[in-house]
């Protein structure tokens, strides 16, 4: 059964730390919202047993958003 991806674990930050940073950085907040939507699309496609190419493309899109989140976190540090 597909599950959502744990962004906080990937970033090695707690949910509270991310929430604090989100409140101070509107771009980071927007990127995390985009990530959540992208992750939901991946889970939905996996549950629907979509073809591998479609799932791969969705995962690549999610990864691009995660990379932007990492860059934004580094820029704001």
C-alpha atoms as a PDB file:
ATOM      1  CA  UNK A   1       0.000   0.000   0.000  1.00  0.00           C
ATOM      2  CA  UNK A   2       1.504   3.349  -1.030  1.00  0.00           C
ATOM      3  CA  UNK A   3       2.226   5.843   1.722  1.00  0.00           C
ATOM      4  CA  UNK A   4       3.154   9.504   1.759  1.00  0.00           C
ATOM      5  CA  UNK A   5       6.832  10.374   1.666  1.00  0.00           C
ATOM      6  CA  UNK A   6       8.308  11.729   4.921  1.00  0.00           C
ATOM      7  CA  UNK A   7       9.790  15.063   3.871  1.00  0.00           C
ATOM      8  CA  UNK A   8      10.829  15.938   7.424  1.00  0.00           C
ATOM      9  CA  UNK A   9      12.952  12.816   7.716  1.00  0.00           C
ATOM     10  CA  UNK A  10      14.615  13.544   4.368  1.00  0.00           C
ATOM     11  CA  UNK A  11      15.424  17.080   5.491  1.00  0.00           C
ATOM     12  CA  UNK A  12      16.585  15.818   8.898  1.00  0.00           C
ATOM     13  CA  UNK A  13      14.477  18.482  10.585  1.00  0.00           C
ATOM     14  CA  UNK A  14      11.548  18.152  12.937  1.00  0.00           C
ATOM     15  CA  UNK A  15       8.074  19.194  11.932  1.00  0.00           C
ATOM     16  CA  UNK A  16       8.288  22.020  14.475  1.00  0.00           C
ATOM     17  CA  UNK A  17      11.541  23.343  12.973  1.00  0.00           C
ATOM     18  CA  UNK A  18      10.023  23.344   9.500  1.00  0.00           C
ATOM     19  CA  UNK A  19       6.866  25.073  10.754  1.00  0.00           C
ATOM     20  CA  UNK A  20       8.962  27.862  12.301  1.00  0.00           C
ATOM     21  CA  UNK A  21      10.886  28.344   9.064  1.00  0.00           C
ATOM     22  CA  UNK A  22       7.664  28.292   6.998  1.00  0.00           C
ATOM     23  CA  UNK A  23       6.127  31.115   8.989  1.00  0.00           C
ATOM     24  CA  UNK A  24       9.152  33.319   8.273  1.00  0.00           C
ATOM     25  CA  UNK A  25       9.604  32.362   4.615  1.00  0.00           C
ATOM     26  CA  UNK A  26       6.595  32.547   2.245  1.00  0.00           C
ATOM     27  CA  UNK A  27       8.543  30.917  -0.611  1.00  0.00           C
ATOM     28  CA  UNK A  28       9.469  27.946   1.572  1.00  0.00           C
ATOM     29  CA  UNK A  29       5.838  27.665   2.669  1.00  0.00           C
ATOM     30  CA  UNK A  30       4.709  27.650  -0.960  1.00  0.00           C
ATOM     31  CA  UNK A  31       7.295  25.014  -1.918  1.00  0.00           C
ATOM     32  CA  UNK A  32       6.277  22.734   0.937  1.00  0.00           C
ATOM     33  CA  UNK A  33       2.636  23.067  -0.107  1.00  0.00           C
ATOM     34  CA  UNK A  34       3.653  22.139  -3.678  1.00  0.00           C
ATOM     35  CA  UNK A  35       5.592  19.164  -2.323  1.00  0.00           C
ATOM     36  CA  UNK A  36       2.562  17.946  -0.398  1.00  0.00           C
ATOM     37  CA  UNK A  37       0.426  18.141  -3.536  1.00  0.00           C
ATOM     38  CA  UNK A  38       3.075  16.370  -5.624  1.00  0.00           C
ATOM     39  CA  UNK A  39       3.407  13.648  -3.002  1.00  0.00           C
ATOM     40  CA  UNK A  40      -0.354  13.150  -2.930  1.00  0.00           C
ATOM     41  CA  UNK A  41      -0.330  12.739  -6.725  1.00  0.00           C
ATOM     42  CA  UNK A  42       2.380  10.067  -6.472  1.00  0.00           C
ATOM     43  CA  UNK A  43       0.419   8.159  -3.833  1.00  0.00           C
ATOM     44  CA  UNK A  44      -2.781   8.430  -5.887  1.00  0.00           C
ATOM     45  CA  UNK A  45      -1.013   7.147  -9.019  1.00  0.00           C
ATOM     46  CA  UNK A  46       0.552   4.264  -7.099  1.00  0.00           C
ATOM     47  CA  UNK A  47      -2.809   3.322  -5.576  1.00  0.00           C
ATOM     48  CA  UNK A  48      -4.433   3.412  -9.017  1.00  0.00           C
ATOM     49  CA  UNK A  49      -1.612   1.214 -10.298  1.00  0.00           C
ATOM     50  CA  UNK A  50      -0.822   3.734 -13.027  1.00  0.00           C
ATOM     51  CA  UNK A  51       1.822   2.779 -15.532  1.00  0.00           C
ATOM     52  CA  UNK A  52       5.426   2.947 -14.357  1.00  0.00           C
ATOM     53  CA  UNK A  53       6.300   5.849 -16.643  1.00  0.00           C
ATOM     54  CA  UNK A  54       3.530   8.036 -15.228  1.00  0.00           C
ATOM     55  CA  UNK A  55       4.556   7.260 -11.648  1.00  0.00           C
ATOM     56  CA  UNK A  56       8.213   7.910 -12.483  1.00  0.00           C
ATOM     57  CA  UNK A  57       7.378  11.328 -13.931  1.00  0.00           C
ATOM     58  CA  UNK A  58       5.357  12.249 -10.850  1.00  0.00           C
ATOM     59  CA  UNK A  59       8.202  11.149  -8.593  1.00  0.00           C
ATOM     60  CA  UNK A  60      10.660  13.228 -10.629  1.00  0.00           C
ATOM     61  CA  UNK A  61       8.417  16.278 -10.264  1.00  0.00           C
ATOM     62  CA  UNK A  62       8.217  15.685  -6.507  1.00  0.00           C
ATOM     63  CA  UNK A  63      12.009  15.393  -6.335  1.00  0.00           C
ATOM     64  CA  UNK A  64      12.456  18.696  -8.177  1.00  0.00           C
ATOM     65  CA  UNK A  65      10.269  20.433  -5.602  1.00  0.00           C
ATOM     66  CA  UNK A  66      12.217  18.792  -2.768  1.00  0.00           C
ATOM     67  CA  UNK A  67      15.474  20.060  -4.305  1.00  0.00           C
ATOM     68  CA  UNK A  68      14.026  23.587  -4.370  1.00  0.00           C
ATOM     69  CA  UNK A  69      13.030  23.224  -0.716  1.00  0.00           C
ATOM     70  CA  UNK A  70      16.571  22.195   0.198  1.00  0.00           C
ATOM     71  CA  UNK A  71      18.032  25.158  -1.691  1.00  0.00           C
ATOM     72  CA  UNK A  72      15.597  27.540   0.002  1.00  0.00           C
ATOM     73  CA  UNK A  73      16.476  26.153   3.426  1.00  0.00           C
ATOM     74  CA  UNK A  74      20.176  26.597   2.680  1.00  0.00           C
ATOM     75  CA  UNK A  75      19.634  30.142   1.434  1.00  0.00           C
ATOM     76  CA  UNK A  76      17.705  31.137   4.560  1.00  0.00           C
ATOM     77  CA  UNK A  77      20.233  29.632   6.974  1.00  0.00           C
END
